[in-house]
Amino acid sequence: MARIFQHGSYKGLGLISIKYLISSCSESRFLVTVSKRVGNAPLRNRLKRLLREAIRHHQHQIYQPVDVCFMITKKPQRPVEQTYIESSVHQAFQFLNAQTAED
């Protein structure tokens, strides 16, 4: 996964940012990180849990294997709901499909 940070491309999607790299593996791999600047441990764990659940629901939408790091680095201005996370992950996967189609 260190290759993602060294050679990967970046895309900001509001609260969530992604770094991604086309994978040579047969399946997509996902990494979820939440910065300590976001808040206390229960908030960070809740955001990670919501993000993992959204990834699990939408991972079938990726057409080519990609290594993706989902990052939350800024403190949310208001409470984050599952629908916002779901729509951000869906938007990220659409973006990744467009990028892999171009390559």
PDB file of N, CA and C in Angstrom:
ATOM      1  N   MET A   1       0.812  -1.198   0.000  1.00  0.00           N
ATOM      2  CA  MET A   1       0.000   0.000   0.000  1.00  0.00           C
ATOM      3  C   MET A   1       0.857   1.265   0.000  1.00  0.00           C
ATOM      4  N   ALA A   2       2.097   1.157   0.362  1.00  0.00           N
ATOM      5  CA  ALA A   2       2.972   2.326   0.348  1.00  0.00           C
ATOM      6  C   ALA A   2       3.130   2.859  -1.078  1.00  0.00           C
ATOM      7  N   ARG A   3       3.000   1.958  -2.066  1.00  0.00           N
ATOM      8  CA  ARG A   3       3.085   2.393  -3.470  1.00  0.00           C
ATOM      9  C   ARG A   3       2.005   3.404  -3.810  1.00  0.00           C
ATOM     10  N   ILE A   4       0.836   3.278  -3.211  1.00  0.00           N
ATOM     11  CA  ILE A   4      -0.257   4.215  -3.479  1.00  0.00           C
ATOM     12  C   ILE A   4       0.184   5.632  -3.129  1.00  0.00           C
ATOM     13  N   PHE A   5       0.815   5.792  -1.972  1.00  0.00           N
ATOM     14  CA  PHE A   5       1.215   7.124  -1.533  1.00  0.00           C
ATOM     15  C   PHE A   5       2.392   7.661  -2.346  1.00  0.00           C
ATOM     16  N   GLN A   6       3.251   6.787  -2.838  1.00  0.00           N
ATOM     17  CA  GLN A   6       4.401   7.231  -3.616  1.00  0.00           C
ATOM     18  C   GLN A   6       4.047   7.515  -5.073  1.00  0.00           C
ATOM     19  N   HIS A   7       3.261   6.642  -5.689  1.00  0.00           N
ATOM     20  CA  HIS A   7       3.021   6.727  -7.130  1.00  0.00           C
ATOM     21  C   HIS A   7       1.564   6.959  -7.515  1.00  0.00           C
ATOM     22  N   GLY A   8       0.672   6.971  -6.539  1.00  0.00           N
ATOM     23  CA  GLY A   8      -0.751   7.071  -6.829  1.00  0.00           C
ATOM     24  C   GLY A   8      -1.204   8.473  -7.176  1.00  0.00           C
ATOM     25  N   SER A   9      -2.406   8.572  -7.689  1.00  0.00           N
ATOM     26  CA  SER A   9      -3.032   9.849  -8.035  1.00  0.00           C
ATOM     27  C   SER A   9      -4.019  10.233  -6.939  1.00  0.00           C
ATOM     28  N   TYR A  10      -4.266  11.536  -6.819  1.00  0.00           N
ATOM     29  CA  TYR A  10      -5.096  12.074  -5.739  1.00  0.00           C
ATOM     30  C   TYR A  10      -6.375  12.671  -6.310  1.00  0.00           C
ATOM     31  N   LYS A  11      -7.472  12.512  -5.570  1.00  0.00           N
ATOM     32  CA  LYS A  11      -8.739  13.152  -5.926  1.00  0.00           C
ATOM     33  C   LYS A  11      -9.457  13.527  -4.638  1.00  0.00           C
ATOM     34  N   GLY A  12      -9.830  14.793  -4.510  1.00  0.00           N
ATOM     35  CA  GLY A  12     -10.591  15.251  -3.364  1.00  0.00           C
ATOM     36  C   GLY A  12     -12.079  15.183  -3.656  1.00  0.00           C
ATOM     37  N   LEU A  13     -12.840  14.683  -2.702  1.00  0.00           N
ATOM     38  CA  LEU A  13     -14.284  14.533  -2.870  1.00  0.00           C
ATOM     39  C   LEU A  13     -15.010  15.112  -1.660  1.00  0.00           C
ATOM     40  N   GLY A  14     -14.744  16.350  -1.340  1.00  0.00           N
ATOM     41  CA  GLY A  14     -15.367  16.955  -0.155  1.00  0.00           C
ATOM     42  C   GLY A  14     -14.645  16.508   1.096  1.00  0.00           C
ATOM     43  N   LEU A  15     -15.379  15.922   2.019  1.00  0.00           N
ATOM     44  CA  LEU A  15     -14.797  15.454   3.274  1.00  0.00           C
ATOM     45  C   LEU A  15     -13.825  14.295   3.043  1.00  0.00           C
ATOM     46  N   ILE A  16     -14.119  13.479   2.050  1.00  0.00           N
ATOM     47  CA  ILE A  16     -13.312  12.291   1.762  1.00  0.00           C
ATOM     48  C   ILE A  16     -12.379  12.585   0.597  1.00  0.00           C
ATOM     49  N   SER A  17     -11.146  12.131   0.722  1.00  0.00           N
ATOM     50  CA  SER A  17     -10.174  12.208  -0.369  1.00  0.00           C
ATOM     51  C   SER A  17      -9.730  10.783  -0.678  1.00  0.00           C
ATOM     52  N   ILE A  18      -9.293  10.570  -1.910  1.00  0.00           N
ATOM     53  CA  ILE A  18      -8.789   9.244  -2.269  1.00  0.00           C
ATOM     54  C   ILE A  18      -7.446   9.367  -2.959  1.00  0.00           C
ATOM     55  N   LYS A  19      -6.615   8.378  -2.727  1.00  0.00           N
ATOM     56  CA  LYS A  19      -5.401   8.153  -3.511  1.00  0.00           C
ATOM     57  C   LYS A  19      -5.592   6.778  -4.116  1.00  0.00           C
ATOM     58  N   TYR A  20      -5.269   6.648  -5.389  1.00  0.00           N
ATOM     59  CA  TYR A  20      -5.541   5.388  -6.070  1.00  0.00           C
ATOM     60  C   TYR A  20      -4.435   5.044  -7.045  1.00  0.00           C
ATOM     61  N   LEU A  21      -4.343   3.768  -7.339  1.00  0.00           N
ATOM     62  CA  LEU A  21      -3.346   3.251  -8.263  1.00  0.00           C
ATOM     63  C   LEU A  21      -3.924   1.990  -8.894  1.00  0.00           C
ATOM     64  N   ILE A  22      -3.794   1.867 -10.196  1.00  0.00           N
ATOM     65  CA  ILE A  22      -4.259   0.660 -10.885  1.00  0.00           C
ATOM     66  C   ILE A  22      -3.511  -0.532 -10.304  1.00  0.00           C
ATOM     67  N   SER A  23      -4.229  -1.591  -9.996  1.00  0.00           N
ATOM     68  CA  SER A  23      -3.648  -2.735  -9.304  1.00  0.00           C
ATOM     69  C   SER A  23      -3.300  -3.853 -10.274  1.00  0.00           C
ATOM     70  N   SER A  24      -2.246  -4.573  -9.941  1.00  0.00           N
ATOM     71  CA  SER A  24      -1.892  -5.760 -10.717  1.00  0.00           C
ATOM     72  C   SER A  24      -2.518  -7.011 -10.106  1.00  0.00           C
ATOM     73  N   CYS A  25      -3.177  -6.856  -8.968  1.00  0.00           N
ATOM     74  CA  CYS A  25      -3.866  -7.976  -8.308  1.00  0.00           C
ATOM     75  C   CYS A  25      -5.167  -8.289  -9.036  1.00  0.00           C
ATOM     76  N   SER A  26      -5.788  -9.381  -8.677  1.00  0.00           N
ATOM     77  CA  SER A  26      -7.035  -9.763  -9.317  1.00  0.00           C
ATOM     78  C   SER A  26      -8.243  -9.074  -8.692  1.00  0.00           C
ATOM     79  N   GLU A  27      -8.082  -8.493  -7.500  1.00  0.00           N
ATOM     80  CA  GLU A  27      -9.180  -7.820  -6.812  1.00  0.00           C
ATOM     81  C   GLU A  27      -8.759  -6.424  -6.375  1.00  0.00           C
ATOM     82  N   SER A  28      -9.742  -5.565  -6.213  1.00  0.00           N
ATOM     83  CA  SER A  28      -9.472  -4.236  -5.671  1.00  0.00           C
ATOM     84  C   SER A  28      -9.184  -4.348  -4.185  1.00  0.00           C
ATOM     85  N   ARG A  29      -8.305  -3.452  -3.707  1.00  0.00           N
ATOM     86  CA  ARG A  29      -7.984  -3.421  -2.283  1.00  0.00           C
ATOM     87  C   ARG A  29      -8.257  -2.015  -1.765  1.00  0.00           C
ATOM     88  N   PHE A  30      -8.718  -1.942  -0.521  1.00  0.00           N
ATOM     89  CA  PHE A  30      -9.124  -0.664   0.052  1.00  0.00           C
ATOM     90  C   PHE A  30      -8.430  -0.435   1.386  1.00  0.00           C
ATOM     91  N   LEU A  31      -8.070   0.812   1.627  1.00  0.00           N
ATOM     92  CA  LEU A  31      -7.475   1.235   2.880  1.00  0.00           C
ATOM     93  C   LEU A  31      -8.270   2.432   3.375  1.00  0.00           C
ATOM     94  N   VAL A  32      -8.572   2.470   4.653  1.00  0.00           N
ATOM     95  CA  VAL A  32      -9.346   3.567   5.233  1.00  0.00           C
ATOM     96  C   VAL A  32      -8.495   4.225   6.314  1.00  0.00           C
ATOM     97  N   THR A  33      -8.274   5.542   6.197  1.00  0.00           N
ATOM     98  CA  THR A  33      -7.522   6.269   7.216  1.00  0.00           C
ATOM     99  C   THR A  33      -8.304   7.506   7.638  1.00  0.00           C
ATOM    100  N   VAL A  34      -8.252   7.791   8.926  1.00  0.00           N
ATOM    101  CA  VAL A  34      -8.884   8.989   9.472  1.00  0.00           C
ATOM    102  C   VAL A  34      -7.846   9.659  10.359  1.00  0.00           C
ATOM    103  N   SER A  35      -7.540  10.901  10.069  1.00  0.00           N
ATOM    104  CA  SER A  35      -6.523  11.652  10.799  1.00  0.00           C
ATOM    105  C   SER A  35      -6.956  11.944  12.229  1.00  0.00           C
ATOM    106  N   LYS A  36      -5.984  12.069  13.124  1.00  0.00           N
ATOM    107  CA  LYS A  36      -6.284  12.420  14.512  1.00  0.00           C
ATOM    108  C   LYS A  36      -6.863  13.825  14.622  1.00  0.00           C
ATOM    109  N   ARG A  37      -6.608  14.671  13.620  1.00  0.00           N
ATOM    110  CA  ARG A  37      -7.149  16.030  13.627  1.00  0.00           C
ATOM    111  C   ARG A  37      -8.668  16.046  13.502  1.00  0.00           C
ATOM    112  N   VAL A  38      -9.238  14.941  13.062  1.00  0.00           N
ATOM    113  CA  VAL A  38     -10.688  14.859  12.844  1.00  0.00           C
ATOM    114  C   VAL A  38     -11.457  14.927  14.153  1.00  0.00           C
ATOM    115  N   GLY A  39     -10.912  14.340  15.197  1.00  0.00           N
ATOM    116  CA  GLY A  39     -11.613  14.364  16.474  1.00  0.00           C
ATOM    117  C   GLY A  39     -11.153  13.245  17.383  1.00  0.00           C
ATOM    118  N   ASN A  40     -11.955  12.971  18.397  1.00  0.00           N
ATOM    119  CA  ASN A  40     -11.578  11.938  19.360  1.00  0.00           C
ATOM    120  C   ASN A  40     -11.774  10.538  18.769  1.00  0.00           C
ATOM    121  N   ALA A  41     -11.287   9.540  19.486  1.00  0.00           N
ATOM    122  CA  ALA A  41     -11.293   8.168  18.979  1.00  0.00           C
ATOM    123  C   ALA A  41     -12.686   7.653  18.625  1.00  0.00           C
ATOM    124  N   PRO A  42     -13.725   7.887  19.437  1.00  0.00           N
ATOM    125  CA  PRO A  42     -15.049   7.389  19.043  1.00  0.00           C
ATOM    126  C   PRO A  42     -15.545   7.984  17.728  1.00  0.00           C
ATOM    127  N   LEU A  43     -15.264   9.254  17.468  1.00  0.00           N
ATOM    128  CA  LEU A  43     -15.665   9.876  16.206  1.00  0.00           C
ATOM    129  C   LEU A  43     -14.887   9.271  15.044  1.00  0.00           C
ATOM    130  N   ARG A  44     -13.579   9.124  15.210  1.00  0.00           N
ATOM    131  CA  ARG A  44     -12.756   8.542  14.135  1.00  0.00           C
ATOM    132  C   ARG A  44     -13.202   7.116  13.831  1.00  0.00           C
ATOM    133  N   ASN A  45     -13.472   6.339  14.880  1.00  0.00           N
ATOM    134  CA  ASN A  45     -13.908   4.951  14.675  1.00  0.00           C
ATOM    135  C   ASN A  45     -15.267   4.892  13.992  1.00  0.00           C
ATOM    136  N   ARG A  46     -16.166   5.790  14.345  1.00  0.00           N
ATOM    137  CA  ARG A  46     -17.480   5.826  13.705  1.00  0.00           C
ATOM    138  C   ARG A  46     -17.335   6.138  12.214  1.00  0.00           C
ATOM    139  N   LEU A  47     -16.488   7.123  11.878  1.00  0.00           N
ATOM    140  CA  LEU A  47     -16.286   7.474  10.473  1.00  0.00           C
ATOM    141  C   LEU A  47     -15.676   6.314   9.697  1.00  0.00           C
ATOM    142  N   LYS A  48     -14.721   5.623  10.296  1.00  0.00           N
ATOM    143  CA  LYS A  48     -14.127   4.462   9.627  1.00  0.00           C
ATOM    144  C   LYS A  48     -15.162   3.368   9.410  1.00  0.00           C
ATOM    145  N   ARG A  49     -15.996   3.151  10.421  1.00  0.00           N
ATOM    146  CA  ARG A  49     -17.045   2.127  10.314  1.00  0.00           C
ATOM    147  C   ARG A  49     -18.031   2.466   9.200  1.00  0.00           C
ATOM    148  N   LEU A  50     -18.461   3.729   9.131  1.00  0.00           N
ATOM    149  CA  LEU A  50     -19.383   4.157   8.075  1.00  0.00           C
ATOM    150  C   LEU A  50     -18.745   4.018   6.699  1.00  0.00           C
ATOM    151  N   LEU A  51     -17.472   4.391   6.603  1.00  0.00           N
ATOM    152  CA  LEU A  51     -16.770   4.318   5.319  1.00  0.00           C
ATOM    153  C   LEU A  51     -16.592   2.875   4.865  1.00  0.00           C
ATOM    154  N   ARG A  52     -16.208   2.003   5.771  1.00  0.00           N
ATOM    155  CA  ARG A  52     -16.052   0.583   5.411  1.00  0.00           C
ATOM    156  C   ARG A  52     -17.375  -0.027   4.955  1.00  0.00           C
ATOM    157  N   GLU A  53     -18.452   0.330   5.631  1.00  0.00           N
ATOM    158  CA  GLU A  53     -19.772  -0.191   5.255  1.00  0.00           C
ATOM    159  C   GLU A  53     -20.170   0.291   3.860  1.00  0.00           C
ATOM    160  N   ALA A  54     -19.925   1.557   3.570  1.00  0.00           N
ATOM    161  CA  ALA A  54     -20.245   2.093   2.239  1.00  0.00           C
ATOM    162  C   ALA A  54     -19.397   1.414   1.169  1.00  0.00           C
ATOM    163  N   ILE A  55     -18.136   1.187   1.459  1.00  0.00           N
ATOM    164  CA  ILE A  55     -17.256   0.492   0.499  1.00  0.00           C
ATOM    165  C   ILE A  55     -17.781  -0.915   0.258  1.00  0.00           C
ATOM    166  N   ARG A  56     -18.171  -1.591   1.316  1.00  0.00           N
ATOM    167  CA  ARG A  56     -18.697  -2.958   1.175  1.00  0.00           C
ATOM    168  C   ARG A  56     -19.933  -2.992   0.284  1.00  0.00           C
ATOM    169  N   HIS A  57     -20.807  -1.986   0.419  1.00  0.00           N
ATOM    170  CA  HIS A  57     -22.024  -1.945  -0.391  1.00  0.00           C
ATOM    171  C   HIS A  57     -21.761  -1.603  -1.853  1.00  0.00           C
ATOM    172  N   HIS A  58     -20.716  -0.846  -2.127  1.00  0.00           N
ATOM    173  CA  HIS A  58     -20.500  -0.342  -3.487  1.00  0.00           C
ATOM    174  C   HIS A  58     -19.309  -0.965  -4.207  1.00  0.00           C
ATOM    175  N   GLN A  59     -18.567  -1.851  -3.580  1.00  0.00           N
ATOM    176  CA  GLN A  59     -17.348  -2.360  -4.205  1.00  0.00           C
ATOM    177  C   GLN A  59     -17.607  -3.137  -5.495  1.00  0.00           C
ATOM    178  N   HIS A  60     -18.809  -3.650  -5.674  1.00  0.00           N
ATOM    179  CA  HIS A  60     -19.135  -4.374  -6.907  1.00  0.00           C
ATOM    180  C   HIS A  60     -19.180  -3.442  -8.121  1.00  0.00           C
ATOM    181  N   GLN A  61     -19.181  -2.128  -7.904  1.00  0.00           N
ATOM    182  CA  GLN A  61     -19.270  -1.164  -9.002  1.00  0.00           C
ATOM    183  C   GLN A  61     -17.935  -0.921  -9.701  1.00  0.00           C
ATOM    184  N   ILE A  62     -16.849  -1.424  -9.147  1.00  0.00           N
ATOM    185  CA  ILE A  62     -15.534  -1.201  -9.759  1.00  0.00           C
ATOM    186  C   ILE A  62     -15.299  -2.273 -10.818  1.00  0.00           C
ATOM    187  N   TYR A  63     -14.925  -1.820 -12.017  1.00  0.00           N
ATOM    188  CA  TYR A  63     -14.764  -2.748 -13.141  1.00  0.00           C
ATOM    189  C   TYR A  63     -13.371  -3.328 -13.240  1.00  0.00           C
ATOM    190  N   GLN A  64     -12.337  -2.544 -12.904  1.00  0.00           N
ATOM    191  CA  GLN A  64     -10.957  -3.020 -12.950  1.00  0.00           C
ATOM    192  C   GLN A  64     -10.363  -2.958 -11.550  1.00  0.00           C
ATOM    193  N   PRO A  65      -9.452  -3.877 -11.234  1.00  0.00           N
ATOM    194  CA  PRO A  65      -8.832  -3.855  -9.901  1.00  0.00           C
ATOM    195  C   PRO A  65      -8.037  -2.563  -9.672  1.00  0.00           C
ATOM    196  N   VAL A  66      -8.289  -1.948  -8.537  1.00  0.00           N
ATOM    197  CA  VAL A  66      -7.634  -0.696  -8.169  1.00  0.00           C
ATOM    198  C   VAL A  66      -7.290  -0.772  -6.688  1.00  0.00           C
ATOM    199  N   ASP A  67      -6.126  -0.230  -6.319  1.00  0.00           N
ATOM    200  CA  ASP A  67      -5.788  -0.052  -4.915  1.00  0.00           C
ATOM    201  C   ASP A  67      -6.217   1.357  -4.547  1.00  0.00           C
ATOM    202  N   VAL A  68      -7.042   1.487  -3.521  1.00  0.00           N
ATOM    203  CA  VAL A  68      -7.613   2.788  -3.152  1.00  0.00           C
ATOM    204  C   VAL A  68      -7.414   3.038  -1.667  1.00  0.00           C
ATOM    205  N   CYS A  69      -6.969   4.249  -1.343  1.00  0.00           N
ATOM    206  CA  CYS A  69      -6.894   4.694   0.042  1.00  0.00           C
ATOM    207  C   CYS A  69      -7.931   5.798   0.220  1.00  0.00           C
ATOM    208  N   PHE A  70      -8.910   5.560   1.077  1.00  0.00           N
ATOM    209  CA  PHE A  70      -9.905   6.570   1.429  1.00  0.00           C
ATOM    210  C   PHE A  70      -9.391   7.297   2.666  1.00  0.00           C
ATOM    211  N   MET A  71      -9.326   8.630   2.585  1.00  0.00           N
ATOM    212  CA  MET A  71      -8.775   9.416   3.691  1.00  0.00           C
ATOM    213  C   MET A  71      -9.766  10.486   4.123  1.00  0.00           C
ATOM    214  N   ILE A  72      -9.876  10.651   5.422  1.00  0.00           N
ATOM    215  CA  ILE A  72     -10.613  11.779   5.987  1.00  0.00           C
ATOM    216  C   ILE A  72      -9.600  12.534   6.835  1.00  0.00           C
ATOM    217  N   THR A  73      -9.297  13.763   6.435  1.00  0.00           N
ATOM    218  CA  THR A  73      -8.244  14.515   7.117  1.00  0.00           C
ATOM    219  C   THR A  73      -8.750  15.774   7.796  1.00  0.00           C
ATOM    220  N   LYS A  74      -9.981  16.187   7.495  1.00  0.00           N
ATOM    221  CA  LYS A  74     -10.534  17.406   8.088  1.00  0.00           C
ATOM    222  C   LYS A  74     -11.699  17.071   9.004  1.00  0.00           C
ATOM    223  N   LYS A  75     -11.861  17.861  10.034  1.00  0.00           N
ATOM    224  CA  LYS A  75     -12.975  17.672  10.958  1.00  0.00           C
ATOM    225  C   LYS A  75     -14.273  18.068  10.261  1.00  0.00           C
ATOM    226  N   PRO A  76     -15.293  17.224  10.321  1.00  0.00           N
ATOM    227  CA  PRO A  76     -16.577  17.565   9.692  1.00  0.00           C
ATOM    228  C   PRO A  76     -17.218  18.782  10.383  1.00  0.00           C
ATOM    229  N   GLN A  77     -17.845  19.640   9.590  1.00  0.00           N
ATOM    230  CA  GLN A  77     -18.493  20.832  10.135  1.00  0.00           C
ATOM    231  C   GLN A  77     -19.767  20.479  10.894  1.00  0.00           C
ATOM    232  N   ARG A  78     -20.445  19.421  10.457  1.00  0.00           N
ATOM    233  CA  ARG A  78     -21.662  18.966  11.124  1.00  0.00           C
ATOM    234  C   ARG A  78     -21.635  17.443  11.174  1.00  0.00           C
ATOM    235  N   PRO A  79     -22.506  16.838  11.939  1.00  0.00           N
ATOM    236  CA  PRO A  79     -22.486  15.366  12.034  1.00  0.00           C
ATOM    237  C   PRO A  79     -22.612  14.699  10.658  1.00  0.00           C
ATOM    238  N   VAL A  80     -21.813  13.686  10.448  1.00  0.00           N
ATOM    239  CA  VAL A  80     -21.775  12.977   9.168  1.00  0.00           C
ATOM    240  C   VAL A  80     -22.797  11.849   9.204  1.00  0.00           C
ATOM    241  N   GLU A  81     -23.593  11.775   8.143  1.00  0.00           N
ATOM    242  CA  GLU A  81     -24.596  10.720   8.044  1.00  0.00           C
ATOM    243  C   GLU A  81     -24.174   9.676   7.017  1.00  0.00           C
ATOM    244  N   GLN A  82     -24.734   8.493   7.154  1.00  0.00           N
ATOM    245  CA  GLN A  82     -24.408   7.391   6.256  1.00  0.00           C
ATOM    246  C   GLN A  82     -24.699   7.743   4.798  1.00  0.00           C
ATOM    247  N   THR A  83     -25.772   8.476   4.545  1.00  0.00           N
ATOM    248  CA  THR A  83     -26.125   8.809   3.159  1.00  0.00           C
ATOM    249  C   THR A  83     -25.037   9.660   2.495  1.00  0.00           C
ATOM    250  N   TYR A  84     -24.414  10.574   3.261  1.00  0.00           N
ATOM    251  CA  TYR A  84     -23.328  11.393   2.702  1.00  0.00           C
ATOM    252  C   TYR A  84     -22.121  10.522   2.363  1.00  0.00           C
ATOM    253  N   ILE A  85     -21.769   9.608   3.264  1.00  0.00           N
ATOM    254  CA  ILE A  85     -20.633   8.713   3.028  1.00  0.00           C
ATOM    255  C   ILE A  85     -20.923   7.817   1.823  1.00  0.00           C
ATOM    256  N   GLU A  86     -22.145   7.273   1.757  1.00  0.00           N
ATOM    257  CA  GLU A  86     -22.528   6.403   0.634  1.00  0.00           C
ATOM    258  C   GLU A  86     -22.408   7.139  -0.701  1.00  0.00           C
ATOM    259  N   SER A  87     -22.909   8.369  -0.749  1.00  0.00           N
ATOM    260  CA  SER A  87     -22.856   9.114  -2.004  1.00  0.00           C
ATOM    261  C   SER A  87     -21.415   9.470  -2.368  1.00  0.00           C
ATOM    262  N   SER A  88     -20.575   9.748  -1.379  1.00  0.00           N
ATOM    263  CA  SER A  88     -19.164  10.055  -1.660  1.00  0.00           C
ATOM    264  C   SER A  88     -18.430   8.831  -2.197  1.00  0.00           C
ATOM    265  N   VAL A  89     -18.694   7.671  -1.613  1.00  0.00           N
ATOM    266  CA  VAL A  89     -18.054   6.440  -2.084  1.00  0.00           C
ATOM    267  C   VAL A  89     -18.549   6.100  -3.490  1.00  0.00           C
ATOM    268  N   HIS A  90     -19.841   6.255  -3.727  1.00  0.00           N
ATOM    269  CA  HIS A  90     -20.396   6.018  -5.063  1.00  0.00           C
ATOM    270  C   HIS A  90     -19.738   6.949  -6.083  1.00  0.00           C
ATOM    271  N   GLN A  91     -19.601   8.211  -5.737  1.00  0.00           N
ATOM    272  CA  GLN A  91     -18.947   9.194  -6.610  1.00  0.00           C
ATOM    273  C   GLN A  91     -17.480   8.810  -6.850  1.00  0.00           C
ATOM    274  N   ALA A  92     -16.797   8.351  -5.817  1.00  0.00           N
ATOM    275  CA  ALA A  92     -15.400   7.928  -5.959  1.00  0.00           C
ATOM    276  C   ALA A  92     -15.279   6.750  -6.914  1.00  0.00           C
ATOM    277  N   PHE A  93     -16.177   5.775  -6.791  1.00  0.00           N
ATOM    278  CA  PHE A  93     -16.113   4.607  -7.653  1.00  0.00           C
ATOM    279  C   PHE A  93     -16.450   4.956  -9.096  1.00  0.00           C
ATOM    280  N   GLN A  94     -17.377   5.877  -9.319  1.00  0.00           N
ATOM    281  CA  GLN A  94     -17.652   6.336 -10.685  1.00  0.00           C
ATOM    282  C   GLN A  94     -16.420   7.011 -11.270  1.00  0.00           C
ATOM    283  N   PHE A  95     -15.762   7.839 -10.473  1.00  0.00           N
ATOM    284  CA  PHE A  95     -14.543   8.510 -10.916  1.00  0.00           C
ATOM    285  C   PHE A  95     -13.462   7.484 -11.254  1.00  0.00           C
ATOM    286  N   LEU A  96     -13.287   6.471 -10.393  1.00  0.00           N
ATOM    287  CA  LEU A  96     -12.268   5.453 -10.641  1.00  0.00           C
ATOM    288  C   LEU A  96     -12.558   4.655 -11.917  1.00  0.00           C
ATOM    289  N   ASN A  97     -13.826   4.345 -12.163  1.00  0.00           N
ATOM    290  CA  ASN A  97     -14.183   3.641 -13.401  1.00  0.00           C
ATOM    291  C   ASN A  97     -13.863   4.493 -14.622  1.00  0.00           C
ATOM    292  N   ALA A  98     -14.119   5.786 -14.547  1.00  0.00           N
ATOM    293  CA  ALA A  98     -13.795   6.684 -15.660  1.00  0.00           C
ATOM    294  C   ALA A  98     -12.285   6.744 -15.879  1.00  0.00           C
ATOM    295  N   GLN A  99     -11.518   6.780 -14.803  1.00  0.00           N
ATOM    296  CA  GLN A  99     -10.063   6.862 -14.913  1.00  0.00           C
ATOM    297  C   GLN A  99      -9.474   5.570 -15.476  1.00  0.00           C
ATOM    298  N   THR A 100      -9.980   4.428 -15.026  1.00  0.00           N
ATOM    299  CA  THR A 100      -9.441   3.149 -15.508  1.00  0.00           C
ATOM    300  C   THR A 100      -9.861   2.891 -16.947  1.00  0.00           C
ATOM    301  N   ALA A 101     -10.985   3.438 -17.372  1.00  0.00           N
ATOM    302  CA  ALA A 101     -11.429   3.289 -18.767  1.00  0.00           C
ATOM    303  C   ALA A 101     -10.513   4.060 -19.698  1.00  0.00           C
ATOM    304  N   GLU A 102      -9.964   5.190 -19.219  1.00  0.00           N
ATOM    305  CA  GLU A 102      -9.074   6.006 -20.048  1.00  0.00           C
ATOM    306  C   GLU A 102      -7.708   5.359 -20.234  1.00  0.00           C
ATOM    307  N   ASP A 103      -7.255   4.591 -19.223  1.00  0.00           N
ATOM    308  CA  ASP A 103      -5.899   3.997 -19.275  1.00  0.00           C
ATOM    309  C   ASP A 103      -5.849   2.787 -20.153  1.00  0.00           C
TER     310      ASP A 103
END
